[in-house]
Amino acid sequence: MRIELFGIARARAGRETIDVEAGSLGEAIRALARACPGVVPEVVEDGRLTDSYLASLNGDRFVKDPELRLAKGDTLLILGAQAGG
């Protein structure tokens, strides 16, 4: 699955996207932290997104449940909670 990063999360990670192996939202967030240690602790802390960040599944809906199952080909967007309208 692919994770796309925006704003400060992108700057902290040092890249726009990362491909990870993950079957759930929680696994994806932990994989992001392992691959991009610069996101810890501002974006990811204790294996979860901090309150300042949101995850959007395929750009369709915001998701929080770490047990949420992800499908092959899904894209997770990570953006600041203050972003948007």
PDB file of N, CA and C in Angstrom:
ATOM      1  N   MET A   1       0.836  -1.173   0.000  1.00  0.00           N
ATOM      2  CA  MET A   1       0.000   0.000   0.000  1.00  0.00           C
ATOM      3  C   MET A   1       0.875   1.229   0.000  1.00  0.00           C
ATOM      4  N   ARG A   2       0.318   2.311  -0.443  1.00  0.00           N
ATOM      5  CA  ARG A   2       1.061   3.565  -0.535  1.00  0.00           C
ATOM      6  C   ARG A   2       0.560   4.552   0.514  1.00  0.00           C
ATOM      7  N   ILE A   3       1.501   5.263   1.116  1.00  0.00           N
ATOM      8  CA  ILE A   3       1.187   6.363   2.025  1.00  0.00           C
ATOM      9  C   ILE A   3       1.672   7.646   1.365  1.00  0.00           C
ATOM     10  N   GLU A   4       0.768   8.617   1.236  1.00  0.00           N
ATOM     11  CA  GLU A   4       1.118   9.936   0.708  1.00  0.00           C
ATOM     12  C   GLU A   4       1.125  10.911   1.877  1.00  0.00           C
ATOM     13  N   LEU A   5       2.173  11.710   1.954  1.00  0.00           N
ATOM     14  CA  LEU A   5       2.352  12.646   3.062  1.00  0.00           C
ATOM     15  C   LEU A   5       2.211  14.077   2.566  1.00  0.00           C
ATOM     16  N   PHE A   6       1.605  14.916   3.394  1.00  0.00           N
ATOM     17  CA  PHE A   6       1.381  16.316   3.045  1.00  0.00           C
ATOM     18  C   PHE A   6       1.871  17.225   4.165  1.00  0.00           C
ATOM     19  N   GLY A   7       2.247  18.453   3.807  1.00  0.00           N
ATOM     20  CA  GLY A   7       2.611  19.473   4.787  1.00  0.00           C
ATOM     21  C   GLY A   7       3.804  19.084   5.645  1.00  0.00           C
ATOM     22  N   ILE A   8       3.680  19.321   6.946  1.00  0.00           N
ATOM     23  CA  ILE A   8       4.762  19.049   7.896  1.00  0.00           C
ATOM     24  C   ILE A   8       5.120  17.572   7.898  1.00  0.00           C
ATOM     25  N   ALA A   9       4.135  16.694   7.759  1.00  0.00           N
ATOM     26  CA  ALA A   9       4.418  15.256   7.735  1.00  0.00           C
ATOM     27  C   ALA A   9       5.382  14.932   6.592  1.00  0.00           C
ATOM     28  N   ARG A  10       5.178  15.544   5.440  1.00  0.00           N
ATOM     29  CA  ARG A  10       6.068  15.332   4.292  1.00  0.00           C
ATOM     30  C   ARG A  10       7.465  15.858   4.592  1.00  0.00           C
ATOM     31  N   ALA A  11       7.526  17.036   5.181  1.00  0.00           N
ATOM     32  CA  ALA A  11       8.829  17.620   5.517  1.00  0.00           C
ATOM     33  C   ALA A  11       9.582  16.755   6.527  1.00  0.00           C
ATOM     34  N   ARG A  12       8.881  16.260   7.537  1.00  0.00           N
ATOM     35  CA  ARG A  12       9.513  15.411   8.558  1.00  0.00           C
ATOM     36  C   ARG A  12       9.974  14.079   7.979  1.00  0.00           C
ATOM     37  N   ALA A  13       9.197  13.519   7.070  1.00  0.00           N
ATOM     38  CA  ALA A  13       9.541  12.229   6.464  1.00  0.00           C
ATOM     39  C   ALA A  13      10.659  12.370   5.437  1.00  0.00           C
ATOM     40  N   GLY A  14      10.756  13.553   4.830  1.00  0.00           N
ATOM     41  CA  GLY A  14      11.766  13.760   3.801  1.00  0.00           C
ATOM     42  C   GLY A  14      11.392  13.165   2.454  1.00  0.00           C
ATOM     43  N   ARG A  15      10.112  12.867   2.287  1.00  0.00           N
ATOM     44  CA  ARG A  15       9.630  12.326   1.011  1.00  0.00           C
ATOM     45  C   ARG A  15       8.124  12.540   0.898  1.00  0.00           C
ATOM     46  N   GLU A  16       7.619  12.431  -0.316  1.00  0.00           N
ATOM     47  CA  GLU A  16       6.197  12.628  -0.586  1.00  0.00           C
ATOM     48  C   GLU A  16       5.388  11.355  -0.378  1.00  0.00           C
ATOM     49  N   THR A  17       5.960  10.217  -0.761  1.00  0.00           N
ATOM     50  CA  THR A  17       5.236   8.946  -0.675  1.00  0.00           C
ATOM     51  C   THR A  17       6.159   7.858  -0.161  1.00  0.00           C
ATOM     52  N   ILE A  18       5.532   6.819   0.353  1.00  0.00           N
ATOM     53  CA  ILE A  18       6.264   5.624   0.768  1.00  0.00           C
ATOM     54  C   ILE A  18       5.349   4.423   0.576  1.00  0.00           C
ATOM     55  N   ASP A  19       5.897   3.348   0.084  1.00  0.00           N
ATOM     56  CA  ASP A  19       5.149   2.104  -0.061  1.00  0.00           C
ATOM     57  C   ASP A  19       5.513   1.197   1.109  1.00  0.00           C
ATOM     58  N   VAL A  20       4.491   0.646   1.773  1.00  0.00           N
ATOM     59  CA  VAL A  20       4.709  -0.217   2.932  1.00  0.00           C
ATOM     60  C   VAL A  20       3.855  -1.474   2.801  1.00  0.00           C
ATOM     61  N   GLU A  21       4.254  -2.500   3.518  1.00  0.00           N
ATOM     62  CA  GLU A  21       3.458  -3.719   3.641  1.00  0.00           C
ATOM     63  C   GLU A  21       2.642  -3.574   4.917  1.00  0.00           C
ATOM     64  N   ALA A  22       1.317  -3.553   4.798  1.00  0.00           N
ATOM     65  CA  ALA A  22       0.460  -3.388   5.973  1.00  0.00           C
ATOM     66  C   ALA A  22      -0.919  -3.945   5.678  1.00  0.00           C
ATOM     67  N   GLY A  23      -1.476  -4.627   6.665  1.00  0.00           N
ATOM     68  CA  GLY A  23      -2.817  -5.165   6.530  1.00  0.00           C
ATOM     69  C   GLY A  23      -3.859  -4.356   7.267  1.00  0.00           C
ATOM     70  N   SER A  24      -3.390  -3.426   8.120  1.00  0.00           N
ATOM     71  CA  SER A  24      -4.315  -2.596   8.893  1.00  0.00           C
ATOM     72  C   SER A  24      -3.773  -1.173   8.978  1.00  0.00           C
ATOM     73  N   LEU A  25      -4.626  -0.263   9.387  1.00  0.00           N
ATOM     74  CA  LEU A  25      -4.207   1.122   9.558  1.00  0.00           C
ATOM     75  C   LEU A  25      -3.075   1.215  10.569  1.00  0.00           C
ATOM     76  N   GLY A  26      -3.200   0.525  11.689  1.00  0.00           N
ATOM     77  CA  GLY A  26      -2.158   0.558  12.710  1.00  0.00           C
ATOM     78  C   GLY A  26      -0.820   0.073  12.184  1.00  0.00           C
ATOM     79  N   GLU A  27      -0.838  -1.017  11.417  1.00  0.00           N
ATOM     80  CA  GLU A  27       0.393  -1.539  10.836  1.00  0.00           C
ATOM     81  C   GLU A  27       1.013  -0.522   9.879  1.00  0.00           C
ATOM     82  N   ALA A  28       0.187   0.152   9.111  1.00  0.00           N
ATOM     83  CA  ALA A  28       0.682   1.147   8.158  1.00  0.00           C
ATOM     84  C   ALA A  28       1.352   2.311   8.883  1.00  0.00           C
ATOM     85  N   ILE A  29       0.738   2.781   9.950  1.00  0.00           N
ATOM     86  CA  ILE A  29       1.305   3.910  10.706  1.00  0.00           C
ATOM     87  C   ILE A  29       2.623   3.496  11.359  1.00  0.00           C
ATOM     88  N   ARG A  30       2.678   2.294  11.910  1.00  0.00           N
ATOM     89  CA  ARG A  30       3.926   1.816  12.517  1.00  0.00           C
ATOM     90  C   ARG A  30       5.015   1.633  11.458  1.00  0.00           C
ATOM     91  N   ALA A  31       4.645   1.158  10.275  1.00  0.00           N
ATOM     92  CA  ALA A  31       5.608   1.006   9.183  1.00  0.00           C
ATOM     93  C   ALA A  31       6.143   2.367   8.735  1.00  0.00           C
ATOM     94  N   LEU A  32       5.276   3.354   8.702  1.00  0.00           N
ATOM     95  CA  LEU A  32       5.702   4.713   8.365  1.00  0.00           C
ATOM     96  C   LEU A  32       6.745   5.201   9.361  1.00  0.00           C
ATOM     97  N   ALA A  33       6.488   5.002  10.645  1.00  0.00           N
ATOM     98  CA  ALA A  33       7.420   5.454  11.684  1.00  0.00           C
ATOM     99  C   ALA A  33       8.771   4.750  11.570  1.00  0.00           C
ATOM    100  N   ARG A  34       8.751   3.461  11.250  1.00  0.00           N
ATOM    101  CA  ARG A  34      10.014   2.720  11.096  1.00  0.00           C
ATOM    102  C   ARG A  34      10.799   3.211   9.876  1.00  0.00           C
ATOM    103  N   ALA A  35      10.108   3.442   8.777  1.00  0.00           N
ATOM    104  CA  ALA A  35      10.767   3.834   7.535  1.00  0.00           C
ATOM    105  C   ALA A  35      11.210   5.294   7.528  1.00  0.00           C
ATOM    106  N   CYS A  36      10.490   6.138   8.269  1.00  0.00           N
ATOM    107  CA  CYS A  36      10.756   7.581   8.286  1.00  0.00           C
ATOM    108  C   CYS A  36      10.818   8.056   9.735  1.00  0.00           C
ATOM    109  N   PRO A  37      11.916   7.809  10.432  1.00  0.00           N
ATOM    110  CA  PRO A  37      11.991   8.158  11.854  1.00  0.00           C
ATOM    111  C   PRO A  37      11.773   9.642  12.141  1.00  0.00           C
ATOM    112  N   GLY A  38      11.926  10.496  11.141  1.00  0.00           N
ATOM    113  CA  GLY A  38      11.716  11.923  11.339  1.00  0.00           C
ATOM    114  C   GLY A  38      10.277  12.288  11.682  1.00  0.00           C
ATOM    115  N   VAL A  39       9.332  11.387  11.440  1.00  0.00           N
ATOM    116  CA  VAL A  39       7.932  11.683  11.765  1.00  0.00           C
ATOM    117  C   VAL A  39       7.618  11.454  13.246  1.00  0.00           C
ATOM    118  N   VAL A  40       8.553  10.828  13.961  1.00  0.00           N
ATOM    119  CA  VAL A  40       8.374  10.547  15.388  1.00  0.00           C
ATOM    120  C   VAL A  40       9.032  11.663  16.184  1.00  0.00           C
ATOM    121  N   PRO A  41       8.406  12.254  17.173  1.00  0.00           N
ATOM    122  CA  PRO A  41       7.092  11.999  17.734  1.00  0.00           C
ATOM    123  C   PRO A  41       6.018  12.989  17.287  1.00  0.00           C
ATOM    124  N   GLU A  42       6.366  13.936  16.394  1.00  0.00           N
ATOM    125  CA  GLU A  42       5.384  14.970  16.042  1.00  0.00           C
ATOM    126  C   GLU A  42       4.184  14.417  15.278  1.00  0.00           C
ATOM    127  N   VAL A  43       4.419  13.524  14.335  1.00  0.00           N
ATOM    128  CA  VAL A  43       3.346  12.985  13.496  1.00  0.00           C
ATOM    129  C   VAL A  43       2.852  11.647  14.043  1.00  0.00           C
ATOM    130  N   VAL A  44       3.778  10.767  14.396  1.00  0.00           N
ATOM    131  CA  VAL A  44       3.458   9.442  14.933  1.00  0.00           C
ATOM    132  C   VAL A  44       4.082   9.303  16.315  1.00  0.00           C
ATOM    133  N   GLU A  45       3.253   8.888  17.263  1.00  0.00           N
ATOM    134  CA  GLU A  45       3.747   8.648  18.620  1.00  0.00           C
ATOM    135  C   GLU A  45       3.084   7.389  19.162  1.00  0.00           C
ATOM    136  N   ASP A  46       3.879   6.504  19.706  1.00  0.00           N
ATOM    137  CA  ASP A  46       3.373   5.232  20.245  1.00  0.00           C
ATOM    138  C   ASP A  46       2.573   4.449  19.203  1.00  0.00           C
ATOM    139  N   GLY A  47       3.026   4.496  17.942  1.00  0.00           N
ATOM    140  CA  GLY A  47       2.391   3.717  16.891  1.00  0.00           C
ATOM    141  C   GLY A  47       1.080   4.262  16.369  1.00  0.00           C
ATOM    142  N   ARG A  48       0.733   5.485  16.745  1.00  0.00           N
ATOM    143  CA  ARG A  48      -0.514   6.118  16.290  1.00  0.00           C
ATOM    144  C   ARG A  48      -0.233   7.530  15.804  1.00  0.00           C
ATOM    145  N   LEU A  49      -1.109   8.037  14.941  1.00  0.00           N
ATOM    146  CA  LEU A  49      -1.003   9.442  14.555  1.00  0.00           C
ATOM    147  C   LEU A  49      -1.320  10.306  15.764  1.00  0.00           C
ATOM    148  N   THR A  50      -0.596  11.392  15.921  1.00  0.00           N
ATOM    149  CA  THR A  50      -0.905  12.327  16.999  1.00  0.00           C
ATOM    150  C   THR A  50      -2.207  13.054  16.662  1.00  0.00           C
ATOM    151  N   ASP A  51      -2.757  13.769  17.625  1.00  0.00           N
ATOM    152  CA  ASP A  51      -4.028  14.474  17.426  1.00  0.00           C
ATOM    153  C   ASP A  51      -3.943  15.561  16.360  1.00  0.00           C
ATOM    154  N   SER A  52      -2.740  15.963  15.991  1.00  0.00           N
ATOM    155  CA  SER A  52      -2.565  17.019  14.998  1.00  0.00           C
ATOM    156  C   SER A  52      -2.627  16.513  13.563  1.00  0.00           C
ATOM    157  N   TYR A  53      -2.782  15.194  13.387  1.00  0.00           N
ATOM    158  CA  TYR A  53      -2.759  14.607  12.047  1.00  0.00           C
ATOM    159  C   TYR A  53      -3.943  13.681  11.819  1.00  0.00           C
ATOM    160  N   LEU A  54      -4.357  13.614  10.557  1.00  0.00           N
ATOM    161  CA  LEU A  54      -5.476  12.773  10.139  1.00  0.00           C
ATOM    162  C   LEU A  54      -5.028  11.829   9.034  1.00  0.00           C
ATOM    163  N   ALA A  55      -5.718  10.712   8.931  1.00  0.00           N
ATOM    164  CA  ALA A  55      -5.488   9.767   7.846  1.00  0.00           C
ATOM    165  C   ALA A  55      -6.761   9.666   7.019  1.00  0.00           C
ATOM    166  N   SER A  56      -6.612   9.752   5.713  1.00  0.00           N
ATOM    167  CA  SER A  56      -7.733   9.598   4.794  1.00  0.00           C
ATOM    168  C   SER A  56      -7.471   8.373   3.928  1.00  0.00           C
ATOM    169  N   LEU A  57      -8.431   7.471   3.885  1.00  0.00           N
ATOM    170  CA  LEU A  57      -8.292   6.253   3.096  1.00  0.00           C
ATOM    171  C   LEU A  57      -8.762   6.516   1.678  1.00  0.00           C
ATOM    172  N   ASN A  58      -7.843   6.433   0.744  1.00  0.00           N
ATOM    173  CA  ASN A  58      -8.117   6.633  -0.690  1.00  0.00           C
ATOM    174  C   ASN A  58      -8.734   8.000  -0.993  1.00  0.00           C
ATOM    175  N   GLY A  59      -8.568   8.959  -0.086  1.00  0.00           N
ATOM    176  CA  GLY A  59      -9.131  10.286  -0.294  1.00  0.00           C
ATOM    177  C   GLY A  59     -10.633  10.335  -0.170  1.00  0.00           C
ATOM    178  N   ASP A  60     -11.247   9.227   0.296  1.00  0.00           N
ATOM    179  CA  ASP A  60     -12.706   9.135   0.383  1.00  0.00           C
ATOM    180  C   ASP A  60     -13.263   9.435   1.766  1.00  0.00           C
ATOM    181  N   ARG A  61     -12.501   9.012   2.808  1.00  0.00           N
ATOM    182  CA  ARG A  61     -13.016   9.179   4.168  1.00  0.00           C
ATOM    183  C   ARG A  61     -11.865   9.185   5.147  1.00  0.00           C
ATOM    184  N   PHE A  62     -12.075   9.873   6.252  1.00  0.00           N
ATOM    185  CA  PHE A  62     -11.083   9.903   7.312  1.00  0.00           C
ATOM    186  C   PHE A  62     -11.239   8.659   8.170  1.00  0.00           C
ATOM    187  N   VAL A  63     -10.102   8.095   8.584  1.00  0.00           N
ATOM    188  CA  VAL A  63     -10.110   6.853   9.347  1.00  0.00           C
ATOM    189  C   VAL A  63      -9.219   6.998  10.580  1.00  0.00           C
ATOM    190  N   LYS A  64      -9.602   6.293  11.658  1.00  0.00           N
ATOM    191  CA  LYS A  64      -8.847   6.340  12.910  1.00  0.00           C
ATOM    192  C   LYS A  64      -8.580   4.970  13.507  1.00  0.00           C
ATOM    193  N   ASP A  65      -9.460   4.031  13.266  1.00  0.00           N
ATOM    194  CA  ASP A  65      -9.393   2.728  13.913  1.00  0.00           C
ATOM    195  C   ASP A  65      -8.130   1.972  13.477  1.00  0.00           C
ATOM    196  N   PRO A  66      -7.200   1.715  14.412  1.00  0.00           N
ATOM    197  CA  PRO A  66      -5.969   1.026  14.035  1.00  0.00           C
ATOM    198  C   PRO A  66      -6.206  -0.393  13.522  1.00  0.00           C
ATOM    199  N   GLU A  67      -7.364  -0.974  13.819  1.00  0.00           N
ATOM    200  CA  GLU A  67      -7.693  -2.329  13.361  1.00  0.00           C
ATOM    201  C   GLU A  67      -8.331  -2.339  11.966  1.00  0.00           C
ATOM    202  N   LEU A  68      -8.607  -1.159  11.407  1.00  0.00           N
ATOM    203  CA  LEU A  68      -9.226  -1.070  10.086  1.00  0.00           C
ATOM    204  C   LEU A  68      -8.385  -1.824   9.064  1.00  0.00           C
ATOM    205  N   ARG A  69      -8.996  -2.771   8.379  1.00  0.00           N
ATOM    206  CA  ARG A  69      -8.304  -3.579   7.371  1.00  0.00           C
ATOM    207  C   ARG A  69      -8.078  -2.754   6.108  1.00  0.00           C
ATOM    208  N   LEU A  70      -6.908  -2.904   5.552  1.00  0.00           N
ATOM    209  CA  LEU A  70      -6.548  -2.222   4.317  1.00  0.00           C
ATOM    210  C   LEU A  70      -6.419  -3.248   3.207  1.00  0.00           C
ATOM    211  N   ALA A  71      -6.786  -2.841   2.005  1.00  0.00           N
ATOM    212  CA  ALA A  71      -6.714  -3.727   0.844  1.00  0.00           C
ATOM    213  C   ALA A  71      -5.498  -3.380  -0.005  1.00  0.00           C
ATOM    214  N   LYS A  72      -5.029  -4.355  -0.745  1.00  0.00           N
ATOM    215  CA  LYS A  72      -3.938  -4.114  -1.670  1.00  0.00           C
ATOM    216  C   LYS A  72      -4.373  -3.013  -2.639  1.00  0.00           C
ATOM    217  N   GLY A  73      -3.511  -2.060  -2.860  1.00  0.00           N
ATOM    218  CA  GLY A  73      -3.837  -0.951  -3.751  1.00  0.00           C
ATOM    219  C   GLY A  73      -4.414   0.267  -3.051  1.00  0.00           C
ATOM    220  N   ASP A  74      -4.715   0.156  -1.754  1.00  0.00           N
ATOM    221  CA  ASP A  74      -5.206   1.315  -1.006  1.00  0.00           C
ATOM    222  C   ASP A  74      -4.109   2.371  -0.890  1.00  0.00           C
ATOM    223  N   THR A  75      -4.547   3.618  -0.770  1.00  0.00           N
ATOM    224  CA  THR A  75      -3.642   4.731  -0.513  1.00  0.00           C
ATOM    225  C   THR A  75      -4.112   5.434   0.746  1.00  0.00           C
ATOM    226  N   LEU A  76      -3.173   5.697   1.626  1.00  0.00           N
ATOM    227  CA  LEU A  76      -3.450   6.397   2.869  1.00  0.00           C
ATOM    228  C   LEU A  76      -2.839   7.785   2.771  1.00  0.00           C
ATOM    229  N   LEU A  77      -3.645   8.818   2.930  1.00  0.00           N
ATOM    230  CA  LEU A  77      -3.167  10.192   2.904  1.00  0.00           C
ATOM    231  C   LEU A  77      -2.992  10.660   4.336  1.00  0.00           C
ATOM    232  N   ILE A  78      -1.833  11.221   4.660  1.00  0.00           N
ATOM    233  CA  ILE A  78      -1.564  11.752   6.000  1.00  0.00           C
ATOM    234  C   ILE A  78      -1.435  13.264   5.878  1.00  0.00           C
ATOM    235  N   LEU A  79      -2.295  13.976   6.585  1.00  0.00           N
ATOM    236  CA  LEU A  79      -2.291  15.434   6.513  1.00  0.00           C
ATOM    237  C   LEU A  79      -2.595  16.045   7.871  1.00  0.00           C
ATOM    238  N   GLY A  80      -2.225  17.319   8.008  1.00  0.00           N
ATOM    239  CA  GLY A  80      -2.470  18.026   9.245  1.00  0.00           C
ATOM    240  C   GLY A  80      -3.956  18.186   9.502  1.00  0.00           C
ATOM    241  N   ALA A  81      -4.361  18.062  10.765  1.00  0.00           N
ATOM    242  CA  ALA A  81      -5.770  18.163  11.132  1.00  0.00           C
ATOM    243  C   ALA A  81      -6.338  19.542  10.817  1.00  0.00           C
ATOM    244  N   GLN A  82      -5.512  20.555  10.758  1.00  0.00           N
ATOM    245  CA  GLN A  82      -5.983  21.903  10.470  1.00  0.00           C
ATOM    246  C   GLN A  82      -6.128  22.166   8.973  1.00  0.00           C
ATOM    247  N   ALA A  83      -5.699  21.219   8.117  1.00  0.00           N
ATOM    248  CA  ALA A  83      -5.785  21.389   6.666  1.00  0.00           C
ATOM    249  C   ALA A  83      -7.234  21.334   6.209  1.00  0.00           C
ATOM    250  N   GLY A  84      -7.494  21.917   5.094  1.00  0.00           N
ATOM    251  CA  GLY A  84      -8.845  21.853   4.507  1.00  0.00           C
ATOM    252  C   GLY A  84      -9.649  23.096   4.794  1.00  0.00           C
ATOM    253  N   GLY A  85     -10.938  22.989   4.553  1.00  0.00           N
ATOM    254  CA  GLY A  85     -11.809  24.150   4.656  1.00  0.00           C
ATOM    255  C   GLY A  85     -12.497  24.171   5.931  1.00  0.00           C
TER     256      GLY A  85
END
